[in-house]
Protein backbone atom coordinates (compact mmCIF):
# COMPACT_ATOMS: atom_id res chain seq x y z
CA MET A 1 0.00 0.00 0.00
CA ASN A 2 2.79 2.41 0.97
CA LYS A 3 4.68 1.43 -2.16
CA HIS A 4 1.61 2.25 -4.23
CA LEU A 5 1.24 5.66 -2.52
CA ASN A 6 4.90 6.44 -3.09
CA THR A 7 4.49 5.59 -6.76
CA MET A 8 1.45 7.90 -7.00
CA GLU A 9 3.38 10.63 -5.19
CA ASP A 10 6.29 10.29 -7.61
CA ASN A 11 3.90 10.46 -10.55
CA TYR A 12 2.12 13.44 -9.01
CA PHE A 13 5.36 15.34 -8.54
CA ASP A 14 6.81 14.29 -11.90
CA SER A 15 8.90 17.11 -13.42
CA SER A 16 6.94 16.94 -16.64
CA ASN A 17 4.15 18.69 -14.83
CA LEU A 18 5.52 22.24 -14.89
CA TYR A 19 3.15 23.75 -12.35
CA VAL A 20 3.69 20.99 -9.85
CA PHE A 21 7.42 21.11 -10.50
CA LEU A 22 7.59 24.86 -9.83
CA TYR A 23 5.48 24.47 -6.68
CA LYS A 24 7.67 21.65 -5.45
CA TYR A 25 10.83 23.76 -5.78
CA LYS A 26 9.32 27.14 -5.00
CA LEU A 27 11.69 27.71 -2.12
CA HIS A 28 14.78 26.97 -4.19
CA LEU A 29 13.58 29.13 -7.06
CA GLY A 30 12.59 31.87 -4.66
CA VAL A 31 16.11 31.96 -3.23
CA LEU A 32 17.53 32.09 -6.77
CA PHE A 33 15.15 34.90 -7.64
CA VAL A 34 16.12 37.01 -4.65
CA LEU A 35 19.84 36.39 -5.04
CA SER A 36 19.87 37.06 -8.79
CA ALA A 37 17.81 40.23 -8.36
CA LEU A 38 20.09 41.44 -5.58
CA VAL A 39 23.35 40.64 -7.39
CA SER A 40 22.21 42.03 -10.75
CA SER A 41 20.97 45.20 -9.05
CA LEU A 42 24.31 45.72 -7.34
CA VAL A 43 26.16 45.03 -10.59
CA SER A 44 23.96 47.39 -12.61
CA LEU A 45 24.44 50.13 -10.03
CA ASN A 46 28.21 49.80 -10.38
CA ILE A 47 28.12 50.09 -14.18
CA GLN A 48 29.21 53.56 -15.26
CA GLU A 49 26.43 55.56 -16.84
CA LYS A 50 26.82 56.68 -20.44
CA TYR A 51 25.07 59.40 -22.39
CA LYS A 52 24.51 59.24 -26.12
CA SER A 53 24.90 62.03 -28.64
CA VAL A 54 23.89 61.51 -32.28
CA ALA A 55 24.63 63.39 -35.48
CA VAL A 56 22.96 62.59 -38.81
CA VAL A 57 24.41 63.74 -42.13
CA TYR A 58 23.76 63.26 -45.81
CA PRO A 59 26.73 63.32 -48.20
CA SER A 60 26.84 66.03 -50.83
CA ASN A 61 26.90 65.17 -54.50
CA THR A 62 29.62 67.71 -55.26
CA SER A 63 33.34 67.25 -54.76
CA SER A 64 34.56 69.93 -57.19
CA VAL A 65 33.71 73.54 -56.43
CA ALA A 66 34.80 74.63 -59.89
CA LYS A 67 32.56 72.16 -61.69
CA ALA A 68 29.59 73.12 -59.55
CA LEU A 69 29.97 76.90 -59.52
CA ILE A 70 32.38 78.10 -62.20
CA SER A 71 32.67 75.75 -65.14
CA SER A 72 30.19 76.00 -68.00
CA ARG A 73 31.49 72.86 -69.68
CA PHE A 74 29.34 70.46 -67.64
CA GLY A 75 25.93 71.74 -68.72
CA GLY A 76 24.67 72.33 -65.18
CA LYS A 77 24.72 68.61 -64.35
CA THR A 78 26.52 69.21 -61.07
CA ASP A 79 24.29 70.72 -58.41
CA ILE A 80 25.93 71.97 -55.24
CA MET A 81 22.61 71.63 -53.39
CA GLU A 82 21.99 68.02 -54.37
CA PHE A 83 22.22 65.19 -51.83
CA GLY A 84 24.57 62.35 -52.67
CA GLU A 85 23.43 58.83 -53.50
CA ASP A 86 24.13 55.52 -51.72
CA GLU A 87 27.65 55.35 -53.07
CA LYS A 88 28.48 58.70 -51.49
CA SER A 89 27.15 57.51 -48.11
CA GLU A 90 29.37 54.45 -48.32
CA GLN A 91 32.33 56.69 -49.09
CA LEU A 92 31.55 58.77 -45.99
CA LEU A 93 31.47 55.60 -43.88
CA GLU A 94 34.81 54.46 -45.30
CA VAL A 95 36.40 57.77 -44.37
CA LEU A 96 34.80 57.76 -40.90
CA ASN A 97 36.22 54.30 -40.22
CA SER A 98 39.67 55.27 -41.46
CA ASP A 99 42.73 55.62 -39.27
CA LYS A 100 42.99 59.29 -40.25
CA VAL A 101 39.72 60.16 -38.51
CA ARG A 102 40.37 57.87 -35.53
CA SER A 103 43.92 59.07 -34.89
CA ARG A 104 42.93 62.75 -35.02
CA LEU A 105 40.07 62.12 -32.62
CA VAL A 106 42.33 60.15 -30.26
CA ASP A 107 44.90 62.94 -30.26
CA GLN A 108 42.38 65.76 -29.86
CA TYR A 109 40.68 64.27 -26.78
CA ASP A 110 43.60 62.18 -25.47
CA LEU A 111 41.29 59.15 -25.50
CA MET A 112 43.99 56.89 -24.12
CA ALA A 113 43.76 58.79 -20.83
CA HIS A 114 40.06 59.56 -21.20
CA TYR A 115 39.25 55.84 -21.36
CA ASP A 116 41.64 55.18 -18.47
CA ILE A 117 44.02 52.94 -20.41
CA LYS A 118 47.26 52.76 -18.44
CA LEU A 119 50.34 51.88 -20.47
CA ASP A 120 52.01 50.25 -17.48
CA GLU A 121 49.06 47.92 -16.86
CA THR A 122 48.48 46.50 -20.35
CA SER A 123 50.66 45.07 -23.07
CA THR A 124 48.13 45.90 -25.81
CA PRO A 125 47.16 49.55 -25.27
CA ASN A 126 46.33 50.25 -28.92
CA TYR A 127 44.15 47.15 -29.15
CA ASP A 128 42.36 48.08 -25.93
CA LEU A 129 41.85 51.61 -27.20
CA HIS A 130 40.44 50.32 -30.49
CA GLU A 131 37.99 48.05 -28.66
CA ILE A 132 36.75 50.78 -26.31
CA PHE A 133 36.64 53.27 -29.19
CA SER A 134 34.44 50.88 -31.21
CA GLU A 135 32.11 50.39 -28.23
CA ASN A 136 31.63 54.11 -27.65
CA ILE A 137 31.90 55.65 -31.12
CA SER A 138 30.07 54.06 -34.02
CA TYR A 139 29.00 54.96 -37.55
CA SER A 140 26.17 53.42 -39.53
CA GLN A 141 23.81 53.98 -42.43
CA ASN A 142 20.15 54.31 -41.50
CA LYS A 143 17.13 53.15 -43.51
CA ASN A 144 17.01 56.51 -45.32
CA MET A 145 20.63 56.10 -46.44
CA ALA A 146 21.84 58.90 -44.18
CA VAL A 147 24.99 58.42 -42.10
CA GLU A 148 24.53 58.32 -38.33
CA ILE A 149 27.35 59.12 -35.91
CA GLN A 150 26.71 57.85 -32.37
CA VAL A 151 28.92 58.69 -29.42
CA LEU A 152 28.60 57.28 -25.89
CA ASP A 153 30.38 58.87 -22.97
CA HIS A 154 29.98 59.17 -19.21
CA SER A 155 29.70 62.94 -19.70
CA PRO A 156 26.83 64.21 -21.87
CA ASP A 157 28.78 67.33 -22.81
CA THR A 158 31.84 65.31 -23.83
CA ALA A 159 29.70 62.98 -25.92
CA ALA A 160 28.25 65.97 -27.81
CA LEU A 161 31.69 67.55 -28.23
CA ILE A 162 33.19 64.34 -29.59
CA ALA A 163 30.30 63.90 -32.03
CA GLN A 164 30.74 67.49 -33.24
CA SER A 165 34.48 66.94 -33.58
CA VAL A 166 33.86 63.82 -35.66
CA LEU A 167 31.92 66.00 -38.13
CA GLU A 168 34.72 68.56 -38.29
CA ILE A 169 37.46 65.95 -38.62
CA LEU A 170 35.47 64.10 -41.29
CA ASP A 171 35.19 67.26 -43.38
CA ASN A 172 38.87 68.11 -42.87
CA VAL A 173 40.04 64.63 -43.83
CA MET A 174 37.87 64.53 -46.95
CA ASN A 175 39.05 68.00 -47.97
CA ASP A 176 42.67 67.01 -47.35
CA ILE A 177 42.28 63.92 -49.52
CA GLN A 178 40.60 65.87 -52.31
CA LYS A 179 42.96 68.83 -51.94
CA GLU A 180 46.04 66.64 -52.29
CA ARG A 181 44.85 65.47 -55.70
CA ALA A 182 43.54 68.92 -56.67
CA VAL A 183 46.92 70.53 -55.88
CA GLN A 184 48.69 67.94 -58.03
CA GLY A 185 46.23 68.56 -60.86
CA PHE A 186 46.64 72.31 -60.54
CA ALA A 187 50.43 71.96 -60.73
CA VAL A 188 50.09 70.04 -64.01
CA VAL A 189 47.67 72.57 -65.53
CA LYS A 190 49.74 75.50 -64.25
CA LYS A 191 52.91 74.18 -65.88
CA ALA A 192 51.12 73.52 -69.17
CA TYR A 193 49.56 77.00 -69.09
CA ASN A 194 52.85 78.75 -68.27
CA ASP A 195 54.76 76.78 -70.93
CA LEU A 196 52.18 77.60 -73.60
CA ASN A 197 52.07 81.23 -72.51
CA SER A 198 55.86 81.39 -72.75
CA ASP A 199 55.81 79.85 -76.24
CA ILE A 200 53.20 82.35 -77.37
CA GLN A 201 55.28 85.21 -75.99
CA LYS A 202 58.30 84.00 -77.99
CA MET A 203 56.20 83.74 -81.15
CA GLU A 204 54.83 87.23 -80.57
CA ASP A 205 58.37 88.57 -80.12
CA SER A 206 59.42 86.87 -83.37
CA LEU A 207 56.40 88.28 -85.17
CA ALA A 208 57.12 91.75 -83.80
CA PHE A 209 60.68 91.50 -85.08
CA ILE A 210 59.46 90.54 -88.56
CA MET A 211 56.92 93.35 -88.55
CA SER A 212 59.67 95.78 -87.56
CA LYS A 213 61.29 94.86 -90.88
CA GLY A 214 58.24 96.23 -92.63
CA VAL A 215 56.32 92.98 -93.11
CA LEU A 216 52.77 93.84 -92.17
CA SER A 217 50.49 92.18 -94.72
CA ILE A 218 52.07 89.80 -97.22
CA LYS A 219 49.26 89.75 -99.74
CA SER A 220 48.51 93.45 -99.95
CA GLN A 221 52.16 94.49 -99.69
CA SER A 222 53.19 92.04 -102.41
CA GLU A 223 50.55 93.44 -104.78
CA VAL A 224 51.43 97.05 -104.08
CA TYR A 225 55.20 96.56 -104.27
CA GLY A 226 54.90 94.37 -107.34
CA ASN A 227 52.79 96.88 -109.28
CA ALA A 228 55.03 99.77 -108.22
CA TYR A 229 58.16 97.82 -109.24
CA THR A 230 56.69 97.09 -112.67
CA LYS A 231 55.83 100.76 -113.23
CA ALA A 232 59.27 101.87 -112.05
CA ILE A 233 60.97 99.52 -114.51
CA ALA A 234 58.66 100.68 -117.27
CA LYS A 235 59.54 104.30 -116.56
CA GLY A 236 63.24 103.49 -116.24
CA ASN A 237 63.32 104.70 -112.63
CA MET A 238 66.03 102.31 -111.47
CA LYS A 239 66.48 103.97 -108.09
CA ALA A 240 62.82 103.43 -107.23
CA ALA A 241 63.01 99.94 -108.70
CA GLU A 242 65.96 99.06 -106.45
CA LEU A 243 64.13 100.38 -103.37
CA LEU A 244 61.03 98.37 -104.26
CA GLN A 245 63.15 95.31 -104.98
CA SER A 246 64.70 95.52 -101.50
CA LYS A 247 61.20 95.61 -100.02
CA LEU A 248 60.17 92.62 -102.09
CA ASP A 249 63.32 90.80 -100.93
CA VAL A 250 62.32 91.43 -97.32
CA LEU A 251 58.86 90.03 -98.03
CA ALA A 252 60.42 87.01 -99.68
CA LYS A 253 62.79 86.48 -96.74
CA TYR A 254 60.30 86.82 -93.90
CA GLY A 255 56.96 86.23 -95.61
CA ALA A 256 56.71 82.46 -95.04
CA LYS A 257 57.78 82.81 -91.41
CA TYR A 258 55.28 85.63 -90.94
CA ILE A 259 52.40 83.56 -92.30
CA SER A 260 53.41 80.51 -90.26
CA LEU A 261 53.74 82.50 -87.05
CA LYS A 262 50.44 84.28 -87.60
CA GLU A 263 48.49 81.03 -88.16
CA THR A 264 50.24 79.26 -85.28
CA LEU A 265 49.58 82.17 -82.94
CA GLU A 266 45.86 82.11 -83.71
CA ASN A 267 45.66 78.39 -82.87
CA GLU A 268 47.84 78.68 -79.78
CA ARG A 269 45.85 81.60 -78.46
CA LEU A 270 42.69 79.50 -78.75
CA ARG A 271 44.45 76.71 -76.87
CA LEU A 272 45.64 79.18 -74.25
CA SER A 273 42.09 80.47 -73.78
CA GLU A 274 40.78 76.93 -73.18
CA LEU A 275 43.73 76.13 -70.94
CA ARG A 276 43.10 79.32 -68.99
CA GLY A 277 39.60 78.05 -68.16
CA LYS A 278 41.05 74.77 -66.90
CA TYR A 279 43.72 76.69 -65.00
CA ASP A 280 41.10 78.81 -63.22
CA GLU A 281 39.01 75.73 -62.35
CA ALA A 282 42.02 73.78 -61.08
CA LYS A 283 43.12 76.80 -59.01
CA VAL A 284 39.69 77.07 -57.39
CA ASP A 285 39.65 73.34 -56.56
CA ALA A 286 43.17 73.56 -55.14
CA GLU A 287 42.49 76.60 -52.95
CA ALA A 288 38.78 76.59 -52.11
CA ARG A 289 36.98 74.19 -49.80
CA ILE A 290 33.38 73.17 -49.46
CA GLN A 291 31.59 71.08 -46.83
CA ASN A 292 31.22 67.51 -48.01
CA TYR A 293 27.92 66.76 -46.31
CA PHE A 294 24.61 68.22 -45.19
CA VAL A 295 23.99 68.13 -41.44
CA VAL A 296 20.46 66.87 -40.75
CA THR A 297 20.80 66.44 -36.98
CA ASN A 298 23.38 68.31 -34.93
CA PRO A 299 24.74 66.54 -31.82
CA TYR A 300 23.60 67.85 -28.46
CA ALA A 301 24.16 66.98 -24.81
CA ALA A 302 21.65 64.34 -23.71
CA GLU A 303 19.60 64.95 -20.58
CA LYS A 304 19.01 61.24 -19.84
CA LYS A 305 21.48 58.40 -19.80
CA SER A 306 21.30 55.80 -22.55
CA TYR A 307 23.31 53.10 -20.81
CA PRO A 308 22.95 51.03 -18.74
CA ILE A 309 19.21 50.20 -18.73
CA ARG A 310 19.24 48.87 -15.19
CA TRP A 311 15.74 47.36 -15.08
CA LEU A 312 16.51 45.43 -18.26
CA ILE A 313 19.78 44.13 -16.83
CA VAL A 314 18.00 42.99 -13.67
CA LEU A 315 15.13 41.43 -15.65
CA LEU A 316 17.40 39.51 -17.99
CA SER A 317 19.60 38.37 -15.12
CA VAL A 318 16.63 37.12 -13.06
CA VAL A 319 15.01 35.36 -16.03
CA GLY A 320 18.32 33.81 -17.05
CA THR A 321 19.06 32.63 -13.51
CA LEU A 322 15.59 31.15 -13.03
CA LEU A 323 15.72 29.31 -16.36
CA SER A 324 19.19 27.99 -15.55
CA GLY A 325 17.97 26.90 -12.10
CA ILE A 326 14.90 25.13 -13.50
CA LEU A 327 17.02 23.28 -16.06
CA ALA A 328 19.56 22.32 -13.41
CA ILE A 329 16.87 20.94 -11.07
CA PHE A 330 15.18 19.12 -13.94
CA PHE A 331 18.36 17.38 -15.01
CA TYR A 332 19.20 16.62 -11.39
CA GLU A 333 15.83 14.88 -10.93
CA GLN A 334 16.27 12.91 -14.13
CA ALA A 335 19.76 11.86 -13.04
CA GLN A 336 18.42 10.67 -9.67
CA LYS A 337 15.67 8.59 -11.33
CA ILE A 338 18.17 6.99 -13.68
CA LYS A 339 20.45 6.25 -10.71
CA VAL A 340 17.60 4.52 -8.82
CA GLN A 341 16.67 2.42 -11.86
CA LEU A 342 20.26 1.31 -12.26
């Protein structure tokens, strides 16, 4: 009879019956609940609070000031007010994640000290800095293809300042990258322009020398001198004929050079005019700067902390502990039953 009752009791308190199982071990689970809630609360209270500051920007579609504002050769296709496409956002993200941006930010705010990384206590300070940097400063593309810059810091003012500095450094780095190439391009155009200008000046000096010899218009002068020479010969005026012959000799000596220089100068002056336009554009790109993005949301100092969410930490800890406890008790019961059967 007792054996039968014990069997019924075992069946009644079988762990497959969740409600009965929880009631059976309510004391154990209650202790786990209290302990986990207490420990997680203490842990969450010791976690340093962090405040979040966010900046949202759209990339611009213009990288060349000259093409957007000065040049007439592009048919108005470049609009300085136009937002950039997905590719431009990806380029912004690449620059944001570059060492150039990170190193300038680290130097400006002395993040090694700010994040309390002590060189005498770690053998991997740069790795530690990179890990903490990635946890606190992140860049992403939102659903509208804008670029979001998020900064977490224990000081709301510092978080906002760092976010603002990221924007400034981003623009400086992008302008530096573009300026480096623009300066090189300007140097090439400047040399070509100066060389052509110098060549034209030499041709003009040569043409001036020829004109000083009396060569002004080959065709008209040849006709006039030729007719006058013929008349002088017909009249027997040898002195006039000799004078006219000397003028015709000058035309014959310098005429071909005059014509060649005149035609070449016309072509080279056209080239110089086109090159002057490129020179002016390259000079503007090399010297001017323009912001590479549109700021949609400026960073500001948060009034409420963003991390940690203490109630969530406590909730997850309690739920996790209770589930782990239930599983542990369940497997313990099953192990005991198997041991008895063996």
